[in-house]
Amino acid sequence: MTARPQPKPAAGGALASNLVGILCATGAATAFSLNDVAIKYLSGDYPLHQIIFLRSLIAITVTLAVFVPLDGSYRDLRTDRLGFHLMRGMIVVCANMTFYAALATLPLGEATAIYFVGPLFITALSVVLLGETVGLRRWFAVLIGLAGVVIVIRPGGRAFQYAALLPLVAAFGYSLFQITTRKLGLAAKASTMSFYVNLVFIGFSGMVGLVFGDGRYSGTGNANLEFLLRAWTWPPAGDFALLAAIGVIGSTGGYLVSQAYRQSQAGLIAPFEYIALPLAIFWSIMIWGDWPDTVAWLGIALIAAAGFYVLYREAALGRRIRWKTPFRRER
């Protein structure tokens, strides 16, 4: 008796999942870019741990009120992988704190350019830690993008001061954060992951505030350290509204980026986060008047070209093959 042929898996579902992941990554990059602008704007008046504490307090409220019900129910917050959630939260705490500390002195565009080593780390780590496949052409595009980043932060330029090391540390931490997001996506929803990240932020920034919040260690004369050690100050109504906006934007971005890396392969999602680089340059020009010079524009062009090529390549592969997803999707 001849065996009945099995139907081939439809590629449409995988392509739709990839599209959702790309849209989530783009939205997250935009939200985080606005978040960076607001934090840099406030960096001269408030300590970083106070900004993070208030932002996370508002963000976790938004997550519980909006994103948890949207994802399912509050029962999803229960987990048997609490240690993994807390570890992941501490990774992103270290990444965010080091990046934001750099914003006290570095132009937003330069700090973001250095930070964009992160998505390149993600592409490499997705092969090593997740077993995903990245083709030779995508590797070449990653190298072109990396060359563009190096040109933007050229050795001997203003970016290569001590504070420029902070976004590099943040970039590596961010890449580990996204890889663990992909791993945790097997058993946790995006809202659950956002909840635990904000919980860690609240705990960490609260403890830092108890130690440094009275300003006893301030007065160093270093703007980056002052951003970390400055005394807490009760914000006026206008600044409090801005802090509230940061919380809403941050929670939205956190939810979207977690959803993006759950929906699609890390090697596909990472290049779409490059949208934050031209956004950072735009904000730097419009708000602080930091115009990139000709060499910096060349680096930005290389980064953009690499990102567009990866987009083209992924679209071409998506028409021919079905994505191989190493983790089960949640229904």
C-alpha atoms as a PDB file:
ATOM      1  CA  MET A   1       0.000   0.000   0.000  1.00  0.00           C
ATOM      2  CA  THR A   2       1.415   3.359  -1.002  1.00  0.00           C
ATOM      3  CA  ALA A   3       1.863   5.800   1.815  1.00  0.00           C
ATOM      4  CA  ARG A   4      -0.163   8.953   1.536  1.00  0.00           C
ATOM      5  CA  PRO A   5       2.112  11.948   0.928  1.00  0.00           C
ATOM      6  CA  GLN A   6       2.295  14.318   3.870  1.00  0.00           C
ATOM      7  CA  PRO A   7       1.425  17.950   3.197  1.00  0.00           C
ATOM      8  CA  LYS A   8       4.358  20.335   3.245  1.00  0.00           C
ATOM      9  CA  PRO A   9       4.378  22.946   6.028  1.00  0.00           C
ATOM     10  CA  ALA A  10       3.050  26.227   4.773  1.00  0.00           C
ATOM     11  CA  ALA A  11       5.647  28.974   4.542  1.00  0.00           C
ATOM     12  CA  GLY A  12       3.029  31.702   4.966  1.00  0.00           C
ATOM     13  CA  GLY A  13       2.853  31.324   8.753  1.00  0.00           C
ATOM     14  CA  ALA A  14       6.618  31.613   9.131  1.00  0.00           C
ATOM     15  CA  LEU A  15       6.742  34.643   6.854  1.00  0.00           C
ATOM     16  CA  ALA A  16       3.935  36.322   8.789  1.00  0.00           C
ATOM     17  CA  SER A  17       5.761  35.611  12.046  1.00  0.00           C
ATOM     18  CA  ASN A  18       8.944  37.143  10.639  1.00  0.00           C
ATOM     19  CA  LEU A  19       7.033  40.230   9.487  1.00  0.00           C
ATOM     20  CA  VAL A  20       5.532  40.690  12.961  1.00  0.00           C
ATOM     21  CA  GLY A  21       8.998  40.320  14.459  1.00  0.00           C
ATOM     22  CA  ILE A  22      10.429  42.951  12.110  1.00  0.00           C
ATOM     23  CA  LEU A  23       7.629  45.416  12.873  1.00  0.00           C
ATOM     24  CA  CYS A  24       8.072  44.855  16.609  1.00  0.00           C
ATOM     25  CA  ALA A  25      11.832  45.410  16.344  1.00  0.00           C
ATOM     26  CA  THR A  26      11.317  48.631  14.377  1.00  0.00           C
ATOM     27  CA  GLY A  27       8.783  49.932  16.888  1.00  0.00           C
ATOM     28  CA  ALA A  28      11.046  49.004  19.794  1.00  0.00           C
ATOM     29  CA  ALA A  29      14.028  50.795  18.231  1.00  0.00           C
ATOM     30  CA  THR A  30      11.942  53.954  17.802  1.00  0.00           C
ATOM     31  CA  ALA A  31      10.659  53.785  21.385  1.00  0.00           C
ATOM     32  CA  PHE A  32      14.133  53.251  22.826  1.00  0.00           C
ATOM     33  CA  SER A  33      15.500  56.134  20.742  1.00  0.00           C
ATOM     34  CA  LEU A  34      12.920  58.497  22.237  1.00  0.00           C
ATOM     35  CA  ASN A  35      13.731  57.063  25.661  1.00  0.00           C
ATOM     36  CA  ASP A  36      17.437  57.867  25.147  1.00  0.00           C
ATOM     37  CA  VAL A  37      16.640  61.447  24.141  1.00  0.00           C
ATOM     38  CA  ALA A  38      14.604  62.030  27.295  1.00  0.00           C
ATOM     39  CA  ILE A  39      17.211  60.485  29.597  1.00  0.00           C
ATOM     40  CA  LYS A  40      20.032  62.522  28.040  1.00  0.00           C
ATOM     41  CA  TYR A  41      17.891  65.630  28.426  1.00  0.00           C
ATOM     42  CA  LEU A  42      17.421  64.895  32.149  1.00  0.00           C
ATOM     43  CA  SER A  43      20.995  63.750  32.793  1.00  0.00           C
ATOM     44  CA  GLY A  44      22.173  67.141  34.058  1.00  0.00           C
ATOM     45  CA  ASP A  45      19.513  67.470  36.773  1.00  0.00           C
ATOM     46  CA  TYR A  46      18.735  64.032  38.226  1.00  0.00           C
ATOM     47  CA  PRO A  47      20.716  60.922  39.187  1.00  0.00           C
ATOM     48  CA  LEU A  48      20.447  57.998  36.818  1.00  0.00           C
ATOM     49  CA  HIS A  49      19.155  55.621  39.498  1.00  0.00           C
ATOM     50  CA  GLN A  50      16.262  57.991  40.274  1.00  0.00           C
ATOM     51  CA  ILE A  51      15.309  58.238  36.590  1.00  0.00           C
ATOM     52  CA  ILE A  52      15.479  54.458  36.219  1.00  0.00           C
ATOM     53  CA  PHE A  53      13.498  53.843  39.422  1.00  0.00           C
ATOM     54  CA  LEU A  54      10.621  56.162  38.441  1.00  0.00           C
ATOM     55  CA  ARG A  55      10.651  54.983  34.838  1.00  0.00           C
ATOM     56  CA  SER A  56      10.522  51.318  35.842  1.00  0.00           C
ATOM     57  CA  LEU A  57       7.803  51.920  38.424  1.00  0.00           C
ATOM     58  CA  ILE A  58       5.596  53.453  35.742  1.00  0.00           C
ATOM     59  CA  ALA A  59       6.627  50.851  33.178  1.00  0.00           C
ATOM     60  CA  ILE A  60       5.695  47.901  35.392  1.00  0.00           C
ATOM     61  CA  THR A  61       2.319  49.530  36.070  1.00  0.00           C
ATOM     62  CA  VAL A  62       1.676  49.860  32.342  1.00  0.00           C
ATOM     63  CA  THR A  63       2.811  46.278  31.785  1.00  0.00           C
ATOM     64  CA  LEU A  64       0.435  44.930  34.437  1.00  0.00           C
ATOM     65  CA  ALA A  65      -2.471  47.101  33.301  1.00  0.00           C
ATOM     66  CA  VAL A  66      -2.104  46.686  29.526  1.00  0.00           C
ATOM     67  CA  PHE A  67       0.377  44.132  28.235  1.00  0.00           C
ATOM     68  CA  VAL A  68      -0.268  41.227  30.618  1.00  0.00           C
ATOM     69  CA  PRO A  69      -4.032  41.198  29.877  1.00  0.00           C
ATOM     70  CA  LEU A  70      -3.228  41.644  26.170  1.00  0.00           C
ATOM     71  CA  ASP A  71      -0.959  38.587  26.221  1.00  0.00           C
ATOM     72  CA  GLY A  72      -3.338  36.360  28.178  1.00  0.00           C
ATOM     73  CA  SER A  73      -3.820  36.578  31.934  1.00  0.00           C
ATOM     74  CA  TYR A  74      -2.021  37.315  35.186  1.00  0.00           C
ATOM     75  CA  ARG A  75      -1.487  33.588  35.675  1.00  0.00           C
ATOM     76  CA  ASP A  76       1.271  33.871  33.059  1.00  0.00           C
ATOM     77  CA  LEU A  77       3.386  35.795  35.577  1.00  0.00           C
ATOM     78  CA  ARG A  78       3.909  32.598  37.557  1.00  0.00           C
ATOM     79  CA  THR A  79       7.162  30.952  36.558  1.00  0.00           C
ATOM     80  CA  ASP A  80       9.393  28.067  37.557  1.00  0.00           C
ATOM     81  CA  ARG A  81      12.364  29.876  35.972  1.00  0.00           C
ATOM     82  CA  LEU A  82      12.603  32.809  38.354  1.00  0.00           C
ATOM     83  CA  GLY A  83      16.387  32.603  38.524  1.00  0.00           C
ATOM     84  CA  PHE A  84      16.631  32.833  34.750  1.00  0.00           C
ATOM     85  CA  HIS A  85      14.355  35.876  34.702  1.00  0.00           C
ATOM     86  CA  LEU A  86      16.390  37.596  37.410  1.00  0.00           C
ATOM     87  CA  MET A  87      19.674  36.831  35.634  1.00  0.00           C
ATOM     88  CA  ARG A  88      18.287  38.237  32.407  1.00  0.00           C
ATOM     89  CA  GLY A  89      17.072  41.312  34.264  1.00  0.00           C
ATOM     90  CA  MET A  90      20.505  41.969  35.769  1.00  0.00           C
ATOM     91  CA  ILE A  91      22.100  41.700  32.312  1.00  0.00           C
ATOM     92  CA  VAL A  92      19.851  44.419  30.927  1.00  0.00           C
ATOM     93  CA  VAL A  93      20.308  46.532  34.063  1.00  0.00           C
ATOM     94  CA  CYS A  94      24.084  46.521  33.512  1.00  0.00           C
ATOM     95  CA  ALA A  95      23.664  47.233  29.794  1.00  0.00           C
ATOM     96  CA  ASN A  96      21.269  50.133  30.309  1.00  0.00           C
ATOM     97  CA  MET A  97      23.110  51.730  33.215  1.00  0.00           C
ATOM     98  CA  THR A  98      26.437  51.772  31.369  1.00  0.00           C
ATOM     99  CA  PHE A  99      24.906  53.157  28.178  1.00  0.00           C
ATOM    100  CA  TYR A 100      22.925  55.867  29.964  1.00  0.00           C
ATOM    101  CA  ALA A 101      25.951  56.871  32.032  1.00  0.00           C
ATOM    102  CA  ALA A 102      27.785  57.563  28.769  1.00  0.00           C
ATOM    103  CA  LEU A 103      25.042  59.958  27.623  1.00  0.00           C
ATOM    104  CA  ALA A 104      26.078  62.489  30.254  1.00  0.00           C
ATOM    105  CA  THR A 105      29.100  63.454  28.119  1.00  0.00           C
ATOM    106  CA  LEU A 106      28.917  61.709  24.735  1.00  0.00           C
ATOM    107  CA  PRO A 107      26.733  63.041  21.907  1.00  0.00           C
ATOM    108  CA  LEU A 108      23.716  60.797  21.448  1.00  0.00           C
ATOM    109  CA  GLY A 109      24.677  59.936  17.862  1.00  0.00           C
ATOM    110  CA  GLU A 110      28.204  58.840  18.791  1.00  0.00           C
ATOM    111  CA  ALA A 111      27.067  56.831  21.810  1.00  0.00           C
ATOM    112  CA  THR A 112      24.445  55.066  19.709  1.00  0.00           C
ATOM    113  CA  ALA A 113      26.970  54.339  16.960  1.00  0.00           C
ATOM    114  CA  ILE A 114      29.321  52.665  19.443  1.00  0.00           C
ATOM    115  CA  TYR A 115      26.367  50.810  20.976  1.00  0.00           C
ATOM    116  CA  PHE A 116      25.499  49.389  17.582  1.00  0.00           C
ATOM    117  CA  VAL A 117      28.234  46.852  17.907  1.00  0.00           C
ATOM    118  CA  GLY A 118      25.459  45.104  19.882  1.00  0.00           C
ATOM    119  CA  PRO A 119      23.325  43.845  16.970  1.00  0.00           C
ATOM    120  CA  LEU A 120      26.502  42.546  15.330  1.00  0.00           C
ATOM    121  CA  PHE A 121      27.270  40.632  18.529  1.00  0.00           C
ATOM    122  CA  ILE A 122      23.731  39.226  18.403  1.00  0.00           C
ATOM    123  CA  THR A 123      24.199  37.889  14.879  1.00  0.00           C
ATOM    124  CA  ALA A 124      27.421  36.140  15.900  1.00  0.00           C
ATOM    125  CA  LEU A 125      26.055  34.837  19.208  1.00  0.00           C
ATOM    126  CA  SER A 126      22.914  33.509  17.515  1.00  0.00           C
ATOM    127  CA  VAL A 127      25.179  31.037  15.709  1.00  0.00           C
ATOM    128  CA  VAL A 128      27.222  30.070  18.764  1.00  0.00           C
ATOM    129  CA  LEU A 129      24.496  29.968  21.421  1.00  0.00           C
ATOM    130  CA  LEU A 130      21.303  29.262  19.468  1.00  0.00           C
ATOM    131  CA  GLY A 131      22.576  27.166  16.587  1.00  0.00           C
ATOM    132  CA  GLU A 132      21.000  29.469  13.999  1.00  0.00           C
ATOM    133  CA  THR A 133      22.403  29.675  10.481  1.00  0.00           C
ATOM    134  CA  VAL A 134      23.824  32.920   9.109  1.00  0.00           C
ATOM    135  CA  GLY A 135      24.944  32.792   5.483  1.00  0.00           C
ATOM    136  CA  LEU A 136      28.174  34.161   4.031  1.00  0.00           C
ATOM    137  CA  ARG A 137      26.414  37.139   2.456  1.00  0.00           C
ATOM    138  CA  ARG A 138      24.872  38.159   5.753  1.00  0.00           C
ATOM    139  CA  TRP A 139      28.244  37.799   7.461  1.00  0.00           C
ATOM    140  CA  PHE A 140      29.722  40.101   4.828  1.00  0.00           C
ATOM    141  CA  ALA A 141      26.936  42.625   5.414  1.00  0.00           C
ATOM    142  CA  VAL A 142      27.635  42.459   9.158  1.00  0.00           C
ATOM    143  CA  LEU A 143      31.310  43.209   8.482  1.00  0.00           C
ATOM    144  CA  ILE A 144      30.352  46.184   6.310  1.00  0.00           C
ATOM    145  CA  GLY A 145      28.088  47.454   9.082  1.00  0.00           C
ATOM    146  CA  LEU A 146      30.879  47.002  11.616  1.00  0.00           C
ATOM    147  CA  ALA A 147      33.252  48.959   9.366  1.00  0.00           C
ATOM    148  CA  GLY A 148      30.667  51.735   9.263  1.00  0.00           C
ATOM    149  CA  VAL A 149      30.490  51.811  13.068  1.00  0.00           C
ATOM    150  CA  VAL A 150      34.296  52.032  13.286  1.00  0.00           C
ATOM    151  CA  ILE A 151      34.282  54.946  10.849  1.00  0.00           C
ATOM    152  CA  VAL A 152      31.640  56.778  12.872  1.00  0.00           C
ATOM    153  CA  ILE A 153      33.673  56.416  16.085  1.00  0.00           C
ATOM    154  CA  ARG A 154      37.085  56.695  14.325  1.00  0.00           C
ATOM    155  CA  PRO A 155      40.141  56.293  16.568  1.00  0.00           C
ATOM    156  CA  GLY A 156      41.423  59.602  17.803  1.00  0.00           C
ATOM    157  CA  GLY A 157      38.023  61.230  17.471  1.00  0.00           C
ATOM    158  CA  ARG A 158      35.878  62.650  20.239  1.00  0.00           C
ATOM    159  CA  ALA A 159      34.125  59.322  20.808  1.00  0.00           C
ATOM    160  CA  PHE A 160      37.357  57.693  21.947  1.00  0.00           C
ATOM    161  CA  GLN A 161      37.407  59.092  25.421  1.00  0.00           C
ATOM    162  CA  TYR A 162      37.060  57.023  28.564  1.00  0.00           C
ATOM    163  CA  ALA A 163      33.270  57.295  28.484  1.00  0.00           C
ATOM    164  CA  ALA A 164      33.236  55.682  25.024  1.00  0.00           C
ATOM    165  CA  LEU A 165      34.032  52.336  26.678  1.00  0.00           C
ATOM    166  CA  LEU A 166      30.669  52.394  28.426  1.00  0.00           C
ATOM    167  CA  PRO A 167      28.530  51.877  25.284  1.00  0.00           C
ATOM    168  CA  LEU A 168      30.818  48.990  24.283  1.00  0.00           C
ATOM    169  CA  VAL A 169      30.152  47.270  27.610  1.00  0.00           C
ATOM    170  CA  ALA A 170      26.461  48.023  27.150  1.00  0.00           C
ATOM    171  CA  ALA A 171      26.504  46.554  23.638  1.00  0.00           C
ATOM    172  CA  PHE A 172      27.863  43.227  24.801  1.00  0.00           C
ATOM    173  CA  GLY A 173      25.380  43.097  27.664  1.00  0.00           C
ATOM    174  CA  TYR A 174      22.549  43.944  25.298  1.00  0.00           C
ATOM    175  CA  SER A 175      23.503  41.110  22.956  1.00  0.00           C
ATOM    176  CA  LEU A 176      23.452  38.622  25.833  1.00  0.00           C
ATOM    177  CA  PHE A 177      20.093  40.034  26.924  1.00  0.00           C
ATOM    178  CA  GLN A 178      18.530  39.431  23.515  1.00  0.00           C
ATOM    179  CA  ILE A 179      19.973  35.941  23.207  1.00  0.00           C
ATOM    180  CA  THR A 180      18.505  35.020  26.606  1.00  0.00           C
ATOM    181  CA  THR A 181      15.210  36.559  25.436  1.00  0.00           C
ATOM    182  CA  ARG A 182      15.240  34.114  22.557  1.00  0.00           C
ATOM    183  CA  LYS A 183      15.963  31.221  24.889  1.00  0.00           C
ATOM    184  CA  LEU A 184      13.344  32.259  27.425  1.00  0.00           C
ATOM    185  CA  GLY A 185      10.789  32.722  24.659  1.00  0.00           C
ATOM    186  CA  LEU A 186      10.249  28.973  24.795  1.00  0.00           C
ATOM    187  CA  ALA A 187       8.343  29.262  28.056  1.00  0.00           C
ATOM    188  CA  ALA A 188       7.499  32.917  28.700  1.00  0.00           C
ATOM    189  CA  LYS A 189       5.426  35.605  27.045  1.00  0.00           C
ATOM    190  CA  ALA A 190       6.708  39.050  26.173  1.00  0.00           C
ATOM    191  CA  SER A 191       4.701  40.742  28.933  1.00  0.00           C
ATOM    192  CA  THR A 192       6.027  38.271  31.510  1.00  0.00           C
ATOM    193  CA  MET A 193       9.615  38.976  30.476  1.00  0.00           C
ATOM    194  CA  SER A 194       8.998  42.745  30.572  1.00  0.00           C
ATOM    195  CA  PHE A 195       7.447  42.432  34.048  1.00  0.00           C
ATOM    196  CA  TYR A 196      10.474  40.675  35.520  1.00  0.00           C
ATOM    197  CA  VAL A 197      12.960  43.020  33.833  1.00  0.00           C
ATOM    198  CA  ASN A 198      11.207  46.052  35.311  1.00  0.00           C
ATOM    199  CA  LEU A 199      11.009  44.324  38.682  1.00  0.00           C
ATOM    200  CA  VAL A 200      14.791  43.887  38.664  1.00  0.00           C
ATOM    201  CA  PHE A 201      15.219  47.519  37.589  1.00  0.00           C
ATOM    202  CA  ILE A 202      13.087  48.699  40.509  1.00  0.00           C
ATOM    203  CA  GLY A 203      14.967  46.550  43.010  1.00  0.00           C
ATOM    204  CA  PHE A 204      18.418  47.500  41.730  1.00  0.00           C
ATOM    205  CA  SER A 205      17.836  51.237  41.303  1.00  0.00           C
ATOM    206  CA  GLY A 206      16.062  51.356  44.670  1.00  0.00           C
ATOM    207  CA  MET A 207      19.055  49.796  46.425  1.00  0.00           C
ATOM    208  CA  VAL A 208      21.473  52.120  44.615  1.00  0.00           C
ATOM    209  CA  GLY A 209      19.277  55.046  45.662  1.00  0.00           C
ATOM    210  CA  LEU A 210      19.456  53.983  49.314  1.00  0.00           C
ATOM    211  CA  VAL A 211      23.265  53.971  49.159  1.00  0.00           C
ATOM    212  CA  PHE A 212      23.942  56.998  46.938  1.00  0.00           C
ATOM    213  CA  GLY A 213      20.651  58.890  46.943  1.00  0.00           C
ATOM    214  CA  ASP A 214      21.656  61.442  49.581  1.00  0.00           C
ATOM    215  CA  GLY A 215      24.525  62.659  47.379  1.00  0.00           C
ATOM    216  CA  ARG A 216      27.243  61.921  49.935  1.00  0.00           C
ATOM    217  CA  TYR A 217      29.561  60.626  47.190  1.00  0.00           C
ATOM    218  CA  SER A 218      28.896  63.344  44.625  1.00  0.00           C
ATOM    219  CA  GLY A 219      31.174  66.269  43.812  1.00  0.00           C
ATOM    220  CA  THR A 220      33.699  64.238  41.806  1.00  0.00           C
ATOM    221  CA  GLY A 221      33.848  66.740  38.949  1.00  0.00           C
ATOM    222  CA  ASN A 222      33.287  63.932  36.432  1.00  0.00           C
ATOM    223  CA  ALA A 223      29.975  64.321  34.608  1.00  0.00           C
ATOM    224  CA  ASN A 224      29.523  60.572  34.068  1.00  0.00           C
ATOM    225  CA  LEU A 225      30.111  59.776  37.740  1.00  0.00           C
ATOM    226  CA  GLU A 226      27.916  62.671  38.838  1.00  0.00           C
ATOM    227  CA  PHE A 227      25.082  61.210  36.781  1.00  0.00           C
ATOM    228  CA  LEU A 228      25.426  58.064  38.901  1.00  0.00           C
ATOM    229  CA  LEU A 229      26.111  59.651  42.292  1.00  0.00           C
ATOM    230  CA  ARG A 230      23.970  62.822  42.325  1.00  0.00           C
ATOM    231  CA  ALA A 231      21.420  63.196  45.146  1.00  0.00           C
ATOM    232  CA  TRP A 232      17.745  62.482  44.519  1.00  0.00           C
ATOM    233  CA  THR A 233      15.626  65.541  43.713  1.00  0.00           C
ATOM    234  CA  TRP A 234      11.857  65.713  43.652  1.00  0.00           C
ATOM    235  CA  PRO A 235      10.981  66.694  40.051  1.00  0.00           C
ATOM    236  CA  PRO A 236       8.621  69.558  39.186  1.00  0.00           C
ATOM    237  CA  ALA A 237       5.403  68.785  37.326  1.00  0.00           C
ATOM    238  CA  GLY A 238       6.922  69.173  33.856  1.00  0.00           C
ATOM    239  CA  ASP A 239       9.843  66.834  34.522  1.00  0.00           C
ATOM    240  CA  PHE A 240       7.585  64.357  36.296  1.00  0.00           C
ATOM    241  CA  ALA A 241       5.393  64.222  33.180  1.00  0.00           C
ATOM    242  CA  LEU A 242       8.504  63.540  31.109  1.00  0.00           C
ATOM    243  CA  LEU A 243       9.545  60.764  33.495  1.00  0.00           C
ATOM    244  CA  ALA A 244       6.062  59.276  33.195  1.00  0.00           C
ATOM    245  CA  ALA A 245       6.356  59.395  29.402  1.00  0.00           C
ATOM    246  CA  ILE A 246       9.705  57.609  29.644  1.00  0.00           C
ATOM    247  CA  GLY A 247       8.012  54.872  31.657  1.00  0.00           C
ATOM    248  CA  VAL A 248       5.255  54.374  29.079  1.00  0.00           C
ATOM    249  CA  ILE A 249       7.697  54.477  26.163  1.00  0.00           C
ATOM    250  CA  GLY A 250      10.133  52.160  27.931  1.00  0.00           C
ATOM    251  CA  SER A 251       7.484  49.563  28.757  1.00  0.00           C
ATOM    252  CA  THR A 252       6.214  49.632  25.177  1.00  0.00           C
ATOM    253  CA  GLY A 253       9.720  49.245  23.793  1.00  0.00           C
ATOM    254  CA  GLY A 254      10.536  46.434  26.206  1.00  0.00           C
ATOM    255  CA  TYR A 255       7.385  44.548  25.265  1.00  0.00           C
ATOM    256  CA  LEU A 256       7.974  45.001  21.528  1.00  0.00           C
ATOM    257  CA  VAL A 257      11.613  43.928  21.589  1.00  0.00           C
ATOM    258  CA  SER A 258      10.800  40.815  23.627  1.00  0.00           C
ATOM    259  CA  GLN A 259       8.021  39.991  21.199  1.00  0.00           C
ATOM    260  CA  ALA A 260      10.336  40.532  18.225  1.00  0.00           C
ATOM    261  CA  TYR A 261      12.938  38.046  19.408  1.00  0.00           C
ATOM    262  CA  ARG A 262      10.262  35.504  20.277  1.00  0.00           C
ATOM    263  CA  GLN A 263       8.676  35.764  16.850  1.00  0.00           C
ATOM    264  CA  SER A 264      11.783  35.421  14.660  1.00  0.00           C
ATOM    265  CA  GLN A 265      15.402  34.371  14.538  1.00  0.00           C
ATOM    266  CA  ALA A 266      17.862  36.685  16.254  1.00  0.00           C
ATOM    267  CA  GLY A 267      19.936  36.911  13.066  1.00  0.00           C
ATOM    268  CA  LEU A 268      16.919  38.304  11.215  1.00  0.00           C
ATOM    269  CA  ILE A 269      15.744  40.749  13.875  1.00  0.00           C
ATOM    270  CA  ALA A 270      19.087  42.310  14.846  1.00  0.00           C
ATOM    271  CA  PRO A 271      19.690  44.303  11.614  1.00  0.00           C
ATOM    272  CA  PHE A 272      16.328  46.070  11.880  1.00  0.00           C
ATOM    273  CA  GLU A 273      17.415  47.680  15.121  1.00  0.00           C
ATOM    274  CA  TYR A 274      19.765  49.816  13.016  1.00  0.00           C
ATOM    275  CA  ILE A 275      16.897  52.255  12.581  1.00  0.00           C
ATOM    276  CA  ALA A 276      17.887  53.662  15.978  1.00  0.00           C
ATOM    277  CA  LEU A 277      21.169  54.964  14.529  1.00  0.00           C
ATOM    278  CA  PRO A 278      19.745  57.442  12.000  1.00  0.00           C
ATOM    279  CA  LEU A 279      17.134  58.387  14.579  1.00  0.00           C
ATOM    280  CA  ALA A 280      19.859  59.176  17.105  1.00  0.00           C
ATOM    281  CA  ILE A 281      21.678  61.321  14.522  1.00  0.00           C
ATOM    282  CA  PHE A 282      18.420  63.138  13.765  1.00  0.00           C
ATOM    283  CA  TRP A 283      17.714  63.873  17.444  1.00  0.00           C
ATOM    284  CA  SER A 284      21.311  65.009  17.955  1.00  0.00           C
ATOM    285  CA  ILE A 285      20.977  67.507  15.129  1.00  0.00           C
ATOM    286  CA  MET A 286      17.502  68.771  15.972  1.00  0.00           C
ATOM    287  CA  ILE A 287      17.890  69.038  19.755  1.00  0.00           C
ATOM    288  CA  TRP A 288      21.595  69.529  20.509  1.00  0.00           C
ATOM    289  CA  GLY A 289      22.948  70.742  17.153  1.00  0.00           C
ATOM    290  CA  ASP A 290      25.511  67.906  16.914  1.00  0.00           C
ATOM    291  CA  TRP A 291      26.035  67.624  13.158  1.00  0.00           C
ATOM    292  CA  PRO A 292      28.090  64.595  12.001  1.00  0.00           C
ATOM    293  CA  ASP A 293      30.996  65.493   9.739  1.00  0.00           C
ATOM    294  CA  THR A 294      31.698  63.977   6.312  1.00  0.00           C
ATOM    295  CA  VAL A 295      33.554  60.954   7.690  1.00  0.00           C
ATOM    296  CA  ALA A 296      30.740  60.191  10.138  1.00  0.00           C
ATOM    297  CA  TRP A 297      28.167  60.386   7.346  1.00  0.00           C
ATOM    298  CA  LEU A 298      30.234  57.862   5.371  1.00  0.00           C
ATOM    299  CA  GLY A 299      30.094  55.434   8.280  1.00  0.00           C
ATOM    300  CA  ILE A 300      26.353  55.935   8.660  1.00  0.00           C
ATOM    301  CA  ALA A 301      25.887  55.242   4.937  1.00  0.00           C
ATOM    302  CA  LEU A 302      27.796  51.963   5.224  1.00  0.00           C
ATOM    303  CA  ILE A 303      25.699  50.893   8.205  1.00  0.00           C
ATOM    304  CA  ALA A 304      22.470  51.752   6.378  1.00  0.00           C
ATOM    305  CA  ALA A 305      23.629  49.931   3.222  1.00  0.00           C
ATOM    306  CA  ALA A 306      24.460  46.817   5.213  1.00  0.00           C
ATOM    307  CA  GLY A 307      21.052  46.892   6.899  1.00  0.00           C
ATOM    308  CA  PHE A 308      19.181  47.311   3.624  1.00  0.00           C
ATOM    309  CA  TYR A 309      21.139  44.476   2.038  1.00  0.00           C
ATOM    310  CA  VAL A 310      20.305  42.154   4.918  1.00  0.00           C
ATOM    311  CA  LEU A 311      16.637  43.133   4.521  1.00  0.00           C
ATOM    312  CA  TYR A 312      16.790  42.262   0.812  1.00  0.00           C
ATOM    313  CA  ARG A 313      18.572  38.980   1.473  1.00  0.00           C
ATOM    314  CA  GLU A 314      16.124  37.864   4.158  1.00  0.00           C
ATOM    315  CA  ALA A 315      13.171  38.674   1.891  1.00  0.00           C
ATOM    316  CA  ALA A 316      14.715  36.612  -0.926  1.00  0.00           C
ATOM    317  CA  LEU A 317      15.312  33.639   1.368  1.00  0.00           C
ATOM    318  CA  GLY A 318      11.797  33.918   2.775  1.00  0.00           C
ATOM    319  CA  ARG A 319      10.282  33.461  -0.690  1.00  0.00           C
ATOM    320  CA  ARG A 320      12.193  30.263  -1.305  1.00  0.00           C
ATOM    321  CA  ILE A 321      12.476  28.408   1.991  1.00  0.00           C
ATOM    322  CA  ARG A 322      10.597  27.987   5.213  1.00  0.00           C
ATOM    323  CA  TRP A 323      12.250  29.457   8.268  1.00  0.00           C
ATOM    324  CA  LYS A 324      13.600  26.850  10.665  1.00  0.00           C
ATOM    325  CA  THR A 325      12.459  27.929  14.103  1.00  0.00           C
ATOM    326  CA  PRO A 326      14.377  26.161  16.903  1.00  0.00           C
ATOM    327  CA  PHE A 327      11.829  26.974  19.608  1.00  0.00           C
ATOM    328  CA  ARG A 328       8.158  26.178  19.948  1.00  0.00           C
ATOM    329  CA  ARG A 329       5.793  29.087  19.453  1.00  0.00           C
ATOM    330  CA  GLU A 330       3.303  29.829  22.207  1.00  0.00           C
ATOM    331  CA  ARG A 331      -0.334  29.847  21.242  1.00  0.00           C
END
